[in-house]
Amino acid sequence: MAMFNPPHPGRSIKDACIDALGLSITDAAAHLGVARHTLSRVLNGRSGISPDMAIRLEKSGWSNADHWLRLQASYDLAQARKHEDEIHVERFEMA
């Protein structure tokens, strides 16, 4: 069952990976091979986890890419559902 309001997956990266290892954001970004501001945007929920970032997380030993992309998709869908009443589409009827 999907969560109604799941946290942004960046929080999981920060809590379970970076903070758990006592890393700074700068050190984690360098380890992942991304700019500090790129990682910071993900951790603070201003950017999503891209497939490229998911692979970087996987290669670092932090779960697998599929896991990170599923978390991101669940988060994105929950955000979209918050305004689904504004999406007006009629169901197709087959003849």
N, C-alpha and C. Protein backbone atom coordinates (compact mmCIF):
# COMPACT_ATOMS: atom_id res chain seq x y z
N MET A 1 0.84 -1.19 0.00
CA MET A 1 0.00 0.00 0.00
C MET A 1 0.89 1.25 0.00
N ALA A 2 0.56 2.18 -0.84
CA ALA A 2 1.36 3.40 -0.96
C ALA A 2 1.12 4.33 0.21
N MET A 3 2.16 5.03 0.61
CA MET A 3 2.03 6.01 1.68
C MET A 3 1.36 7.26 1.14
N PHE A 4 0.50 7.87 1.94
CA PHE A 4 -0.19 9.08 1.52
C PHE A 4 0.78 10.24 1.37
N ASN A 5 1.70 10.36 2.29
CA ASN A 5 2.64 11.48 2.26
C ASN A 5 4.05 10.99 2.64
N PRO A 6 4.68 10.23 1.74
CA PRO A 6 6.02 9.72 2.07
C PRO A 6 7.03 10.86 2.12
N PRO A 7 8.07 10.71 2.92
CA PRO A 7 9.11 11.74 2.94
C PRO A 7 9.90 11.72 1.63
N HIS A 8 10.52 12.85 1.31
CA HIS A 8 11.39 12.89 0.14
C HIS A 8 12.54 11.91 0.39
N PRO A 9 12.92 11.12 -0.62
CA PRO A 9 13.98 10.13 -0.41
C PRO A 9 15.33 10.73 -0.04
N GLY A 10 15.52 12.00 -0.29
CA GLY A 10 16.76 12.64 0.14
C GLY A 10 16.96 12.56 1.64
N ARG A 11 15.86 12.57 2.38
CA ARG A 11 15.96 12.44 3.84
C ARG A 11 16.55 11.09 4.22
N SER A 12 16.15 10.02 3.49
CA SER A 12 16.69 8.69 3.77
C SER A 12 18.18 8.64 3.49
N ILE A 13 18.60 9.27 2.42
CA ILE A 13 20.04 9.30 2.11
C ILE A 13 20.79 10.00 3.23
N LYS A 14 20.28 11.13 3.67
CA LYS A 14 20.96 11.88 4.72
C LYS A 14 21.00 11.10 6.03
N ASP A 15 19.84 10.60 6.46
CA ASP A 15 19.76 9.92 7.76
C ASP A 15 20.47 8.57 7.77
N ALA A 16 20.16 7.71 6.80
CA ALA A 16 20.64 6.33 6.83
C ALA A 16 22.03 6.14 6.23
N CYS A 17 22.45 7.06 5.41
CA CYS A 17 23.74 6.88 4.74
C CYS A 17 24.78 7.89 5.21
N ILE A 18 24.51 9.15 4.99
CA ILE A 18 25.52 10.18 5.27
C ILE A 18 25.71 10.37 6.78
N ASP A 19 24.61 10.64 7.50
CA ASP A 19 24.74 10.86 8.94
C ASP A 19 25.20 9.59 9.66
N ALA A 20 24.71 8.43 9.21
CA ALA A 20 25.09 7.17 9.87
C ALA A 20 26.59 6.90 9.78
N LEU A 21 27.20 7.39 8.72
CA LEU A 21 28.65 7.20 8.55
C LEU A 21 29.46 8.39 9.06
N GLY A 22 28.78 9.42 9.55
CA GLY A 22 29.47 10.60 10.06
C GLY A 22 30.13 11.41 8.97
N LEU A 23 29.58 11.34 7.75
CA LEU A 23 30.15 12.09 6.63
C LEU A 23 29.59 13.51 6.57
N SER A 24 30.37 14.41 6.06
CA SER A 24 29.85 15.73 5.73
C SER A 24 29.23 15.64 4.35
N ILE A 25 28.40 16.60 4.01
CA ILE A 25 27.80 16.61 2.68
C ILE A 25 28.90 16.77 1.63
N THR A 26 29.88 17.57 1.93
CA THR A 26 31.01 17.77 1.01
C THR A 26 31.75 16.47 0.75
N ASP A 27 32.03 15.71 1.83
CA ASP A 27 32.74 14.44 1.67
C ASP A 27 31.88 13.42 0.91
N ALA A 28 30.60 13.37 1.23
CA ALA A 28 29.71 12.43 0.55
C ALA A 28 29.60 12.76 -0.93
N ALA A 29 29.49 14.05 -1.25
CA ALA A 29 29.41 14.47 -2.65
C ALA A 29 30.67 14.08 -3.41
N ALA A 30 31.82 14.30 -2.79
CA ALA A 30 33.09 13.93 -3.43
C ALA A 30 33.15 12.43 -3.67
N HIS A 31 32.72 11.66 -2.68
CA HIS A 31 32.71 10.20 -2.80
C HIS A 31 31.79 9.74 -3.93
N LEU A 32 30.64 10.40 -4.07
CA LEU A 32 29.68 10.05 -5.12
C LEU A 32 30.06 10.61 -6.48
N GLY A 33 31.01 11.54 -6.51
CA GLY A 33 31.45 12.13 -7.77
C GLY A 33 30.48 13.16 -8.32
N VAL A 34 29.82 13.88 -7.40
CA VAL A 34 28.90 14.95 -7.80
C VAL A 34 29.28 16.23 -7.07
N ALA A 35 28.78 17.34 -7.57
CA ALA A 35 29.02 18.62 -6.91
C ALA A 35 28.26 18.66 -5.58
N ARG A 36 28.81 19.38 -4.62
CA ARG A 36 28.17 19.50 -3.31
C ARG A 36 26.75 20.03 -3.44
N HIS A 37 26.55 21.06 -4.27
CA HIS A 37 25.22 21.64 -4.39
C HIS A 37 24.23 20.66 -5.02
N THR A 38 24.71 19.76 -5.86
CA THR A 38 23.83 18.74 -6.46
C THR A 38 23.32 17.80 -5.38
N LEU A 39 24.20 17.31 -4.54
CA LEU A 39 23.79 16.42 -3.46
C LEU A 39 22.93 17.16 -2.45
N SER A 40 23.30 18.38 -2.12
CA SER A 40 22.54 19.18 -1.17
C SER A 40 21.09 19.37 -1.64
N ARG A 41 20.90 19.61 -2.93
CA ARG A 41 19.55 19.79 -3.48
C ARG A 41 18.71 18.52 -3.31
N VAL A 42 19.33 17.37 -3.50
CA VAL A 42 18.61 16.10 -3.31
C VAL A 42 18.28 15.91 -1.83
N LEU A 43 19.26 16.11 -0.98
CA LEU A 43 19.05 15.89 0.46
C LEU A 43 17.98 16.82 1.03
N ASN A 44 17.87 18.01 0.49
CA ASN A 44 16.90 18.99 0.99
C ASN A 44 15.57 18.96 0.24
N GLY A 45 15.40 17.97 -0.63
CA GLY A 45 14.13 17.79 -1.31
C GLY A 45 13.85 18.77 -2.43
N ARG A 46 14.85 19.45 -2.90
CA ARG A 46 14.66 20.41 -4.00
C ARG A 46 14.90 19.78 -5.36
N SER A 47 15.52 18.60 -5.38
CA SER A 47 15.73 17.82 -6.60
C SER A 47 15.41 16.37 -6.30
N GLY A 48 15.02 15.67 -7.34
CA GLY A 48 14.74 14.25 -7.17
C GLY A 48 15.99 13.41 -7.40
N ILE A 49 15.86 12.14 -7.09
CA ILE A 49 16.95 11.21 -7.34
C ILE A 49 16.84 10.76 -8.78
N SER A 50 17.83 11.11 -9.57
CA SER A 50 17.87 10.74 -10.99
C SER A 50 18.38 9.30 -11.10
N PRO A 51 18.17 8.67 -12.25
CA PRO A 51 18.76 7.34 -12.45
C PRO A 51 20.29 7.35 -12.26
N ASP A 52 20.95 8.41 -12.71
CA ASP A 52 22.39 8.52 -12.53
C ASP A 52 22.76 8.55 -11.04
N MET A 53 22.04 9.35 -10.25
CA MET A 53 22.31 9.42 -8.82
C MET A 53 22.01 8.08 -8.15
N ALA A 54 20.94 7.42 -8.59
CA ALA A 54 20.59 6.13 -8.02
C ALA A 54 21.72 5.11 -8.23
N ILE A 55 22.32 5.14 -9.40
CA ILE A 55 23.45 4.23 -9.66
C ILE A 55 24.64 4.60 -8.79
N ARG A 56 24.89 5.89 -8.62
CA ARG A 56 25.99 6.32 -7.75
C ARG A 56 25.78 5.85 -6.31
N LEU A 57 24.55 5.95 -5.84
CA LEU A 57 24.23 5.49 -4.48
C LEU A 57 24.43 3.98 -4.38
N GLU A 58 23.97 3.26 -5.39
CA GLU A 58 24.14 1.80 -5.42
C GLU A 58 25.62 1.42 -5.39
N LYS A 59 26.42 2.08 -6.23
CA LYS A 59 27.85 1.76 -6.29
C LYS A 59 28.57 2.08 -4.98
N SER A 60 27.99 3.00 -4.20
CA SER A 60 28.57 3.33 -2.89
C SER A 60 28.18 2.32 -1.82
N GLY A 61 27.30 1.39 -2.18
CA GLY A 61 26.87 0.37 -1.23
C GLY A 61 25.62 0.77 -0.45
N TRP A 62 24.98 1.84 -0.90
CA TRP A 62 23.78 2.33 -0.21
C TRP A 62 22.55 1.83 -0.94
N SER A 63 22.17 0.58 -0.68
CA SER A 63 21.02 -0.07 -1.29
C SER A 63 21.25 -0.23 -2.79
N ASN A 64 20.17 -0.37 -3.55
CA ASN A 64 20.35 -0.52 -5.00
C ASN A 64 19.58 0.56 -5.73
N ALA A 65 19.93 0.75 -6.99
CA ALA A 65 19.34 1.83 -7.78
C ALA A 65 17.83 1.70 -7.87
N ASP A 66 17.33 0.48 -8.04
CA ASP A 66 15.88 0.28 -8.12
C ASP A 66 15.17 0.79 -6.87
N HIS A 67 15.76 0.52 -5.72
CA HIS A 67 15.18 0.98 -4.45
C HIS A 67 15.04 2.51 -4.43
N TRP A 68 16.11 3.19 -4.80
CA TRP A 68 16.08 4.67 -4.76
C TRP A 68 15.08 5.23 -5.76
N LEU A 69 15.00 4.61 -6.94
CA LEU A 69 14.06 5.11 -7.94
C LEU A 69 12.61 4.81 -7.55
N ARG A 70 12.37 3.69 -6.87
CA ARG A 70 11.01 3.40 -6.37
C ARG A 70 10.62 4.41 -5.31
N LEU A 71 11.54 4.75 -4.41
CA LEU A 71 11.24 5.76 -3.40
C LEU A 71 10.91 7.10 -4.05
N GLN A 72 11.69 7.47 -5.06
CA GLN A 72 11.44 8.74 -5.75
C GLN A 72 10.10 8.72 -6.47
N ALA A 73 9.78 7.61 -7.14
CA ALA A 73 8.50 7.51 -7.85
C ALA A 73 7.33 7.58 -6.87
N SER A 74 7.45 6.93 -5.73
CA SER A 74 6.38 6.98 -4.72
C SER A 74 6.19 8.40 -4.21
N TYR A 75 7.28 9.09 -3.97
CA TYR A 75 7.21 10.47 -3.51
C TYR A 75 6.55 11.36 -4.57
N ASP A 76 7.00 11.21 -5.82
CA ASP A 76 6.46 12.04 -6.91
C ASP A 76 4.97 11.80 -7.09
N LEU A 77 4.54 10.54 -7.03
CA LEU A 77 3.13 10.23 -7.20
C LEU A 77 2.31 10.82 -6.04
N ALA A 78 2.82 10.72 -4.83
CA ALA A 78 2.11 11.29 -3.67
C ALA A 78 1.96 12.80 -3.83
N GLN A 79 2.99 13.46 -4.36
CA GLN A 79 2.90 14.91 -4.57
C GLN A 79 1.85 15.23 -5.63
N ALA A 80 1.81 14.45 -6.70
CA ALA A 80 0.83 14.67 -7.77
C ALA A 80 -0.58 14.41 -7.27
N ARG A 81 -0.77 13.42 -6.41
CA ARG A 81 -2.10 13.09 -5.89
C ARG A 81 -2.67 14.23 -5.04
N LYS A 82 -1.81 15.06 -4.51
CA LYS A 82 -2.29 16.17 -3.69
C LYS A 82 -3.12 17.16 -4.49
N HIS A 83 -2.94 17.18 -5.80
CA HIS A 83 -3.72 18.10 -6.63
C HIS A 83 -4.43 17.36 -7.77
N GLU A 84 -4.71 16.07 -7.56
CA GLU A 84 -5.33 15.31 -8.65
C GLU A 84 -6.74 15.80 -8.99
N ASP A 85 -7.39 16.49 -8.05
CA ASP A 85 -8.72 17.03 -8.35
C ASP A 85 -8.65 18.17 -9.38
N GLU A 86 -7.47 18.70 -9.60
CA GLU A 86 -7.29 19.75 -10.61
C GLU A 86 -7.01 19.16 -12.01
N ILE A 87 -6.85 17.86 -12.09
CA ILE A 87 -6.58 17.19 -13.36
C ILE A 87 -7.91 16.67 -13.90
N HIS A 88 -8.35 17.26 -14.99
CA HIS A 88 -9.66 16.93 -15.56
C HIS A 88 -9.49 16.12 -16.83
N VAL A 89 -9.73 14.83 -16.70
CA VAL A 89 -9.65 13.92 -17.83
C VAL A 89 -10.84 12.97 -17.73
N GLU A 90 -11.52 12.80 -18.86
CA GLU A 90 -12.64 11.87 -18.87
C GLU A 90 -12.17 10.50 -19.32
N ARG A 91 -12.79 9.48 -18.76
CA ARG A 91 -12.46 8.10 -19.07
C ARG A 91 -12.89 7.78 -20.51
N PHE A 92 -12.04 7.04 -21.22
CA PHE A 92 -12.39 6.58 -22.56
C PHE A 92 -13.44 5.48 -22.43
N GLU A 93 -14.41 5.53 -23.28
CA GLU A 93 -15.42 4.47 -23.33
C GLU A 93 -15.21 3.71 -24.64
N MET A 94 -15.06 2.42 -24.51
CA MET A 94 -14.86 1.57 -25.70
C MET A 94 -16.22 1.30 -26.35
N ALA A 95 -16.26 1.41 -27.65
CA ALA A 95 -17.53 1.20 -28.38
C ALA A 95 -17.78 -0.26 -28.66
